[in-house]
Amino acid sequence: MTIKIYSTSSCPWCTVAKNYFRERGVKFTDYGVDRDPAKYEEMVRKSHQMGVPVIDMGGKVLVGFNKPEIERQLAKSSASTAG
């Protein structure tokens, strides 16, 4: 599963989200939307939101750090690649 995190350098929940994935050894790509206007526009198109973090987990777009849903998506991805 491809994971993209749209974040800003001043967002505490963005840091929480990135640390969560790092601690679990889950690879992700971080886009600093405060420094990259094109990625900011991409984030808004995907989420219809201007707040961060926005986490794209294989096409499932989550706004904010929604740990239960993140874990559900990771488990679903693990189950689909295990068989």
PDB file of N, CA and C in Angstrom:
ATOM      1  N   MET A   1       0.843  -1.177   0.000  1.00  0.00           N
ATOM      2  CA  MET A   1       0.000   0.000   0.000  1.00  0.00           C
ATOM      3  C   MET A   1       0.885   1.235   0.000  1.00  0.00           C
ATOM      4  N   THR A   2       0.539   2.166  -0.849  1.00  0.00           N
ATOM      5  CA  THR A   2       1.251   3.432  -0.907  1.00  0.00           C
ATOM      6  C   THR A   2       0.614   4.391   0.090  1.00  0.00           C
ATOM      7  N   ILE A   3       1.429   4.992   0.946  1.00  0.00           N
ATOM      8  CA  ILE A   3       0.935   5.932   1.944  1.00  0.00           C
ATOM      9  C   ILE A   3       1.587   7.289   1.707  1.00  0.00           C
ATOM     10  N   LYS A   4       0.727   8.307   1.617  1.00  0.00           N
ATOM     11  CA  LYS A   4       1.192   9.680   1.457  1.00  0.00           C
ATOM     12  C   LYS A   4       0.627  10.501   2.606  1.00  0.00           C
ATOM     13  N   ILE A   5       1.478  11.289   3.233  1.00  0.00           N
ATOM     14  CA  ILE A   5       1.040  12.185   4.292  1.00  0.00           C
ATOM     15  C   ILE A   5       1.271  13.613   3.829  1.00  0.00           C
ATOM     16  N   TYR A   6       0.209  14.381   3.830  1.00  0.00           N
ATOM     17  CA  TYR A   6       0.281  15.804   3.508  1.00  0.00           C
ATOM     18  C   TYR A   6       0.324  16.531   4.841  1.00  0.00           C
ATOM     19  N   SER A   7       1.397  17.276   5.082  1.00  0.00           N
ATOM     20  CA  SER A   7       1.625  17.849   6.403  1.00  0.00           C
ATOM     21  C   SER A   7       2.199  19.255   6.302  1.00  0.00           C
ATOM     22  N   THR A   8       2.280  19.904   7.463  1.00  0.00           N
ATOM     23  CA  THR A   8       3.016  21.167   7.571  1.00  0.00           C
ATOM     24  C   THR A   8       4.044  21.026   8.681  1.00  0.00           C
ATOM     25  N   SER A   9       5.046  21.872   8.653  1.00  0.00           N
ATOM     26  CA  SER A   9       6.122  21.787   9.645  1.00  0.00           C
ATOM     27  C   SER A   9       5.660  22.191  11.040  1.00  0.00           C
ATOM     28  N   SER A  10       4.560  22.934  11.151  1.00  0.00           N
ATOM     29  CA  SER A  10       4.107  23.401  12.463  1.00  0.00           C
ATOM     30  C   SER A  10       2.946  22.586  13.038  1.00  0.00           C
ATOM     31  N   CYS A  11       2.558  21.510  12.383  1.00  0.00           N
ATOM     32  CA  CYS A  11       1.384  20.724  12.777  1.00  0.00           C
ATOM     33  C   CYS A  11       1.770  19.600  13.740  1.00  0.00           C
ATOM     34  N   PRO A  12       1.322  19.671  15.012  1.00  0.00           N
ATOM     35  CA  PRO A  12       1.668  18.607  15.958  1.00  0.00           C
ATOM     36  C   PRO A  12       1.057  17.256  15.594  1.00  0.00           C
ATOM     37  N   TRP A  13      -0.162  17.229  15.035  1.00  0.00           N
ATOM     38  CA  TRP A  13      -0.774  15.947  14.671  1.00  0.00           C
ATOM     39  C   TRP A  13      -0.099  15.320  13.475  1.00  0.00           C
ATOM     40  N   CYS A  14       0.514  16.137  12.637  1.00  0.00           N
ATOM     41  CA  CYS A  14       1.301  15.610  11.519  1.00  0.00           C
ATOM     42  C   CYS A  14       2.503  14.841  12.067  1.00  0.00           C
ATOM     43  N   THR A  15       3.148  15.413  13.066  1.00  0.00           N
ATOM     44  CA  THR A  15       4.296  14.759  13.705  1.00  0.00           C
ATOM     45  C   THR A  15       3.871  13.453  14.354  1.00  0.00           C
ATOM     46  N   VAL A  16       2.735  13.462  15.034  1.00  0.00           N
ATOM     47  CA  VAL A  16       2.207  12.241  15.667  1.00  0.00           C
ATOM     48  C   VAL A  16       1.983  11.166  14.601  1.00  0.00           C
ATOM     49  N   ALA A  17       1.363  11.541  13.491  1.00  0.00           N
ATOM     50  CA  ALA A  17       1.074  10.579  12.427  1.00  0.00           C
ATOM     51  C   ALA A  17       2.364   9.990  11.850  1.00  0.00           C
ATOM     52  N   LYS A  18       3.327  10.854  11.547  1.00  0.00           N
ATOM     53  CA  LYS A  18       4.586  10.366  10.966  1.00  0.00           C
ATOM     54  C   LYS A  18       5.338   9.475  11.948  1.00  0.00           C
ATOM     55  N   ASN A  19       5.358   9.856  13.212  1.00  0.00           N
ATOM     56  CA  ASN A  19       6.011   9.019  14.222  1.00  0.00           C
ATOM     57  C   ASN A  19       5.311   7.671  14.361  1.00  0.00           C
ATOM     58  N   TYR A  20       3.998   7.665  14.287  1.00  0.00           N
ATOM     59  CA  TYR A  20       3.227   6.420  14.365  1.00  0.00           C
ATOM     60  C   TYR A  20       3.687   5.453  13.270  1.00  0.00           C
ATOM     61  N   PHE A  21       3.761   5.939  12.036  1.00  0.00           N
ATOM     62  CA  PHE A  21       4.184   5.069  10.934  1.00  0.00           C
ATOM     63  C   PHE A  21       5.646   4.652  11.082  1.00  0.00           C
ATOM     64  N   ARG A  22       6.515   5.582  11.471  1.00  0.00           N
ATOM     65  CA  ARG A  22       7.941   5.245  11.660  1.00  0.00           C
ATOM     66  C   ARG A  22       8.124   4.165  12.715  1.00  0.00           C
ATOM     67  N   GLU A  23       7.436   4.307  13.848  1.00  0.00           N
ATOM     68  CA  GLU A  23       7.568   3.338  14.948  1.00  0.00           C
ATOM     69  C   GLU A  23       7.135   1.941  14.528  1.00  0.00           C
ATOM     70  N   ARG A  24       6.260   1.858  13.543  1.00  0.00           N
ATOM     71  CA  ARG A  24       5.767   0.561  13.069  1.00  0.00           C
ATOM     72  C   ARG A  24       6.497   0.079  11.823  1.00  0.00           C
ATOM     73  N   GLY A  25       7.487   0.845  11.385  1.00  0.00           N
ATOM     74  CA  GLY A  25       8.257   0.457  10.207  1.00  0.00           C
ATOM     75  C   GLY A  25       7.462   0.530   8.915  1.00  0.00           C
ATOM     76  N   VAL A  26       6.444   1.398   8.888  1.00  0.00           N
ATOM     77  CA  VAL A  26       5.600   1.545   7.701  1.00  0.00           C
ATOM     78  C   VAL A  26       6.146   2.691   6.854  1.00  0.00           C
ATOM     79  N   LYS A  27       6.441   2.396   5.600  1.00  0.00           N
ATOM     80  CA  LYS A  27       6.992   3.413   4.701  1.00  0.00           C
ATOM     81  C   LYS A  27       5.892   4.366   4.253  1.00  0.00           C
ATOM     82  N   PHE A  28       6.258   5.626   4.139  1.00  0.00           N
ATOM     83  CA  PHE A  28       5.320   6.639   3.669  1.00  0.00           C
ATOM     84  C   PHE A  28       6.105   7.752   2.993  1.00  0.00           C
ATOM     85  N   THR A  29       5.406   8.534   2.211  1.00  0.00           N
ATOM     86  CA  THR A  29       5.991   9.719   1.600  1.00  0.00           C
ATOM     87  C   THR A  29       5.346  10.928   2.249  1.00  0.00           C
ATOM     88  N   ASP A  30       6.164  11.864   2.692  1.00  0.00           N
ATOM     89  CA  ASP A  30       5.685  13.072   3.361  1.00  0.00           C
ATOM     90  C   ASP A  30       5.767  14.246   2.395  1.00  0.00           C
ATOM     91  N   TYR A  31       4.644  14.921   2.227  1.00  0.00           N
ATOM     92  CA  TYR A  31       4.602  16.118   1.393  1.00  0.00           C
ATOM     93  C   TYR A  31       4.353  17.324   2.286  1.00  0.00           C
ATOM     94  N   GLY A  32       5.308  18.234   2.329  1.00  0.00           N
ATOM     95  CA  GLY A  32       5.188  19.460   3.120  1.00  0.00           C
ATOM     96  C   GLY A  32       4.386  20.487   2.349  1.00  0.00           C
ATOM     97  N   VAL A  33       3.088  20.524   2.602  1.00  0.00           N
ATOM     98  CA  VAL A  33       2.213  21.402   1.818  1.00  0.00           C
ATOM     99  C   VAL A  33       2.421  22.880   2.143  1.00  0.00           C
ATOM    100  N   ASP A  34       3.114  23.178   3.234  1.00  0.00           N
ATOM    101  CA  ASP A  34       3.434  24.574   3.530  1.00  0.00           C
ATOM    102  C   ASP A  34       4.597  25.071   2.671  1.00  0.00           C
ATOM    103  N   ARG A  35       5.298  24.151   2.014  1.00  0.00           N
ATOM    104  CA  ARG A  35       6.429  24.510   1.161  1.00  0.00           C
ATOM    105  C   ARG A  35       6.196  24.161  -0.309  1.00  0.00           C
ATOM    106  N   ASP A  36       5.114  23.420  -0.592  1.00  0.00           N
ATOM    107  CA  ASP A  36       4.883  22.931  -1.952  1.00  0.00           C
ATOM    108  C   ASP A  36       3.436  23.216  -2.369  1.00  0.00           C
ATOM    109  N   PRO A  37       3.213  24.344  -3.050  1.00  0.00           N
ATOM    110  CA  PRO A  37       1.842  24.718  -3.440  1.00  0.00           C
ATOM    111  C   PRO A  37       1.132  23.666  -4.300  1.00  0.00           C
ATOM    112  N   ALA A  38       1.870  22.972  -5.144  1.00  0.00           N
ATOM    113  CA  ALA A  38       1.252  21.949  -5.991  1.00  0.00           C
ATOM    114  C   ALA A  38       0.723  20.793  -5.142  1.00  0.00           C
ATOM    115  N   LYS A  39       1.481  20.385  -4.134  1.00  0.00           N
ATOM    116  CA  LYS A  39       1.028  19.302  -3.248  1.00  0.00           C
ATOM    117  C   LYS A  39      -0.132  19.773  -2.368  1.00  0.00           C
ATOM    118  N   TYR A  40      -0.129  21.062  -2.006  1.00  0.00           N
ATOM    119  CA  TYR A  40      -1.254  21.614  -1.257  1.00  0.00           C
ATOM    120  C   TYR A  40      -2.531  21.503  -2.091  1.00  0.00           C
ATOM    121  N   GLU A  41      -2.456  21.879  -3.360  1.00  0.00           N
ATOM    122  CA  GLU A  41      -3.619  21.784  -4.246  1.00  0.00           C
ATOM    123  C   GLU A  41      -4.060  20.335  -4.410  1.00  0.00           C
ATOM    124  N   GLU A  42      -3.099  19.429  -4.540  1.00  0.00           N
ATOM    125  CA  GLU A  42      -3.404  17.998  -4.657  1.00  0.00           C
ATOM    126  C   GLU A  42      -4.149  17.518  -3.406  1.00  0.00           C
ATOM    127  N   MET A  43      -3.663  17.929  -2.232  1.00  0.00           N
ATOM    128  CA  MET A  43      -4.287  17.545  -0.969  1.00  0.00           C
ATOM    129  C   MET A  43      -5.736  18.034  -0.906  1.00  0.00           C
ATOM    130  N   VAL A  44      -5.963  19.279  -1.271  1.00  0.00           N
ATOM    131  CA  VAL A  44      -7.313  19.846  -1.221  1.00  0.00           C
ATOM    132  C   VAL A  44      -8.229  19.120  -2.211  1.00  0.00           C
ATOM    133  N   ARG A  45      -7.719  18.799  -3.394  1.00  0.00           N
ATOM    134  CA  ARG A  45      -8.514  18.045  -4.379  1.00  0.00           C
ATOM    135  C   ARG A  45      -8.923  16.687  -3.831  1.00  0.00           C
ATOM    136  N   LYS A  46      -7.989  16.008  -3.182  1.00  0.00           N
ATOM    137  CA  LYS A  46      -8.276  14.667  -2.653  1.00  0.00           C
ATOM    138  C   LYS A  46      -9.223  14.694  -1.458  1.00  0.00           C
ATOM    139  N   SER A  47      -9.005  15.639  -0.558  1.00  0.00           N
ATOM    140  CA  SER A  47      -9.703  15.610   0.735  1.00  0.00           C
ATOM    141  C   SER A  47     -10.861  16.602   0.843  1.00  0.00           C
ATOM    142  N   HIS A  48     -10.883  17.595  -0.031  1.00  0.00           N
ATOM    143  CA  HIS A  48     -11.850  18.691   0.064  1.00  0.00           C
ATOM    144  C   HIS A  48     -11.708  19.428   1.392  1.00  0.00           C
ATOM    145  N   GLN A  49     -10.507  19.372   1.964  1.00  0.00           N
ATOM    146  CA  GLN A  49     -10.204  20.005   3.244  1.00  0.00           C
ATOM    147  C   GLN A  49      -8.910  20.803   3.104  1.00  0.00           C
ATOM    148  N   MET A  50      -8.747  21.786   3.996  1.00  0.00           N
ATOM    149  CA  MET A  50      -7.500  22.549   4.009  1.00  0.00           C
ATOM    150  C   MET A  50      -6.663  22.234   5.245  1.00  0.00           C
ATOM    151  N   GLY A  51      -7.206  21.440   6.165  1.00  0.00           N
ATOM    152  CA  GLY A  51      -6.483  21.088   7.379  1.00  0.00           C
ATOM    153  C   GLY A  51      -5.566  19.905   7.166  1.00  0.00           C
ATOM    154  N   VAL A  52      -4.576  19.799   8.014  1.00  0.00           N
ATOM    155  CA  VAL A  52      -3.609  18.696   7.965  1.00  0.00           C
ATOM    156  C   VAL A  52      -3.592  17.990   9.321  1.00  0.00           C
ATOM    157  N   PRO A  53      -3.126  16.774   9.381  1.00  0.00           N
ATOM    158  CA  PRO A  53      -2.631  15.972   8.263  1.00  0.00           C
ATOM    159  C   PRO A  53      -3.765  15.384   7.429  1.00  0.00           C
ATOM    160  N   VAL A  54      -3.457  15.172   6.170  1.00  0.00           N
ATOM    161  CA  VAL A  54      -4.292  14.364   5.296  1.00  0.00           C
ATOM    162  C   VAL A  54      -3.437  13.160   4.945  1.00  0.00           C
ATOM    163  N   ILE A  55      -3.995  11.979   5.151  1.00  0.00           N
ATOM    164  CA  ILE A  55      -3.256  10.737   4.926  1.00  0.00           C
ATOM    165  C   ILE A  55      -3.977   9.943   3.842  1.00  0.00           C
ATOM    166  N   ASP A  56      -3.272   9.677   2.764  1.00  0.00           N
ATOM    167  CA  ASP A  56      -3.796   8.882   1.656  1.00  0.00           C
ATOM    168  C   ASP A  56      -3.191   7.494   1.789  1.00  0.00           C
ATOM    169  N   MET A  57      -4.041   6.531   2.106  1.00  0.00           N
ATOM    170  CA  MET A  57      -3.587   5.152   2.297  1.00  0.00           C
ATOM    171  C   MET A  57      -4.126   4.307   1.148  1.00  0.00           C
ATOM    172  N   GLY A  58      -3.369   4.260   0.079  1.00  0.00           N
ATOM    173  CA  GLY A  58      -3.782   3.471  -1.071  1.00  0.00           C
ATOM    174  C   GLY A  58      -5.092   3.933  -1.681  1.00  0.00           C
ATOM    175  N   GLY A  59      -5.354   5.223  -1.627  1.00  0.00           N
ATOM    176  CA  GLY A  59      -6.578   5.775  -2.191  1.00  0.00           C
ATOM    177  C   GLY A  59      -7.649   6.085  -1.161  1.00  0.00           C
ATOM    178  N   LYS A  60      -7.522   5.539   0.038  1.00  0.00           N
ATOM    179  CA  LYS A  60      -8.444   5.872   1.138  1.00  0.00           C
ATOM    180  C   LYS A  60      -7.889   7.123   1.811  1.00  0.00           C
ATOM    181  N   VAL A  61      -8.637   8.216   1.747  1.00  0.00           N
ATOM    182  CA  VAL A  61      -8.158   9.503   2.249  1.00  0.00           C
ATOM    183  C   VAL A  61      -8.719   9.770   3.639  1.00  0.00           C
ATOM    184  N   LEU A  62      -7.811   9.979   4.586  1.00  0.00           N
ATOM    185  CA  LEU A  62      -8.180  10.264   5.969  1.00  0.00           C
ATOM    186  C   LEU A  62      -7.743  11.684   6.309  1.00  0.00           C
ATOM    187  N   VAL A  63      -8.624  12.410   6.966  1.00  0.00           N
ATOM    188  CA  VAL A  63      -8.302  13.767   7.399  1.00  0.00           C
ATOM    189  C   VAL A  63      -8.079  13.726   8.900  1.00  0.00           C
ATOM    190  N   GLY A  64      -6.901  14.168   9.330  1.00  0.00           N
ATOM    191  CA  GLY A  64      -6.554  14.108  10.748  1.00  0.00           C
ATOM    192  C   GLY A  64      -5.892  12.780  11.086  1.00  0.00           C
ATOM    193  N   PHE A  65      -5.456  12.676  12.340  1.00  0.00           N
ATOM    194  CA  PHE A  65      -4.830  11.434  12.796  1.00  0.00           C
ATOM    195  C   PHE A  65      -5.919  10.562  13.404  1.00  0.00           C
ATOM    196  N   ASN A  66      -6.501   9.705  12.574  1.00  0.00           N
ATOM    197  CA  ASN A  66      -7.573   8.806  12.980  1.00  0.00           C
ATOM    198  C   ASN A  66      -6.962   7.415  13.177  1.00  0.00           C
ATOM    199  N   LYS A  67      -6.407   7.200  14.369  1.00  0.00           N
ATOM    200  CA  LYS A  67      -5.656   5.965  14.639  1.00  0.00           C
ATOM    201  C   LYS A  67      -6.469   4.695  14.392  1.00  0.00           C
ATOM    202  N   PRO A  68      -7.728   4.612  14.859  1.00  0.00           N
ATOM    203  CA  PRO A  68      -8.483   3.369  14.586  1.00  0.00           C
ATOM    204  C   PRO A  68      -8.637   3.084  13.095  1.00  0.00           C
ATOM    205  N   GLU A  69      -8.904   4.116  12.305  1.00  0.00           N
ATOM    206  CA  GLU A  69      -9.060   3.900  10.863  1.00  0.00           C
ATOM    207  C   GLU A  69      -7.725   3.586  10.202  1.00  0.00           C
ATOM    208  N   ILE A  70      -6.648   4.218  10.651  1.00  0.00           N
ATOM    209  CA  ILE A  70      -5.314   3.902  10.126  1.00  0.00           C
ATOM    210  C   ILE A  70      -4.997   2.434  10.391  1.00  0.00           C
ATOM    211  N   GLU A  71      -5.248   1.981  11.610  1.00  0.00           N
ATOM    212  CA  GLU A  71      -4.975   0.577  11.950  1.00  0.00           C
ATOM    213  C   GLU A  71      -5.845  -0.370  11.133  1.00  0.00           C
ATOM    214  N   ARG A  72      -7.099   0.012  10.892  1.00  0.00           N
ATOM    215  CA  ARG A  72      -7.997  -0.801  10.069  1.00  0.00           C
ATOM    216  C   ARG A  72      -7.445  -0.928   8.641  1.00  0.00           C
ATOM    217  N   GLN A  73      -6.988   0.188   8.086  1.00  0.00           N
ATOM    218  CA  GLN A  73      -6.439   0.170   6.725  1.00  0.00           C
ATOM    219  C   GLN A  73      -5.140  -0.642   6.648  1.00  0.00           C
ATOM    220  N   LEU A  74      -4.288  -0.513   7.659  1.00  0.00           N
ATOM    221  CA  LEU A  74      -3.046  -1.300   7.685  1.00  0.00           C
ATOM    222  C   LEU A  74      -3.341  -2.783   7.794  1.00  0.00           C
ATOM    223  N   ALA A  75      -4.320  -3.139   8.626  1.00  0.00           N
ATOM    224  CA  ALA A  75      -4.685  -4.549   8.787  1.00  0.00           C
ATOM    225  C   ALA A  75      -5.269  -5.090   7.495  1.00  0.00           C
ATOM    226  N   LYS A  76      -6.084  -4.284   6.824  1.00  0.00           N
ATOM    227  CA  LYS A  76      -6.684  -4.706   5.565  1.00  0.00           C
ATOM    228  C   LYS A  76      -5.596  -4.930   4.517  1.00  0.00           C
ATOM    229  N   SER A  77      -4.617  -4.038   4.498  1.00  0.00           N
ATOM    230  CA  SER A  77      -3.525  -4.162   3.549  1.00  0.00           C
ATOM    231  C   SER A  77      -2.679  -5.406   3.843  1.00  0.00           C
ATOM    232  N   SER A  78      -2.418  -5.658   5.130  1.00  0.00           N
ATOM    233  CA  SER A  78      -1.648  -6.845   5.520  1.00  0.00           C
ATOM    234  C   SER A  78      -2.374  -8.121   5.147  1.00  0.00           C
ATOM    235  N   ALA A  79      -3.674  -8.132   5.352  1.00  0.00           N
ATOM    236  CA  ALA A  79      -4.473  -9.319   5.036  1.00  0.00           C
ATOM    237  C   ALA A  79      -4.481  -9.587   3.543  1.00  0.00           C
ATOM    238  N   SER A  80      -4.540  -8.533   2.730  1.00  0.00           N
ATOM    239  CA  SER A  80      -4.603  -8.731   1.288  1.00  0.00           C
ATOM    240  C   SER A  80      -3.261  -9.150   0.702  1.00  0.00           C
ATOM    241  N   THR A  81      -2.156  -8.800   1.372  1.00  0.00           N
ATOM    242  CA  THR A  81      -0.846  -9.197   0.855  1.00  0.00           C
ATOM    243  C   THR A  81      -0.361 -10.504   1.461  1.00  0.00           C
ATOM    244  N   ALA A  82      -1.021 -10.986   2.526  1.00  0.00           N
ATOM    245  CA  ALA A  82      -0.584 -12.204   3.201  1.00  0.00           C
ATOM    246  C   ALA A  82      -0.944 -13.461   2.413  1.00  0.00           C
ATOM    247  N   GLY A  83      -2.015 -13.397   1.630  1.00  0.00           N
ATOM    248  CA  GLY A  83      -2.473 -14.617   0.978  1.00  0.00           C
ATOM    249  C   GLY A  83      -2.035 -14.690  -0.404  1.00  0.00           C
TER     250      GLY A  83
END
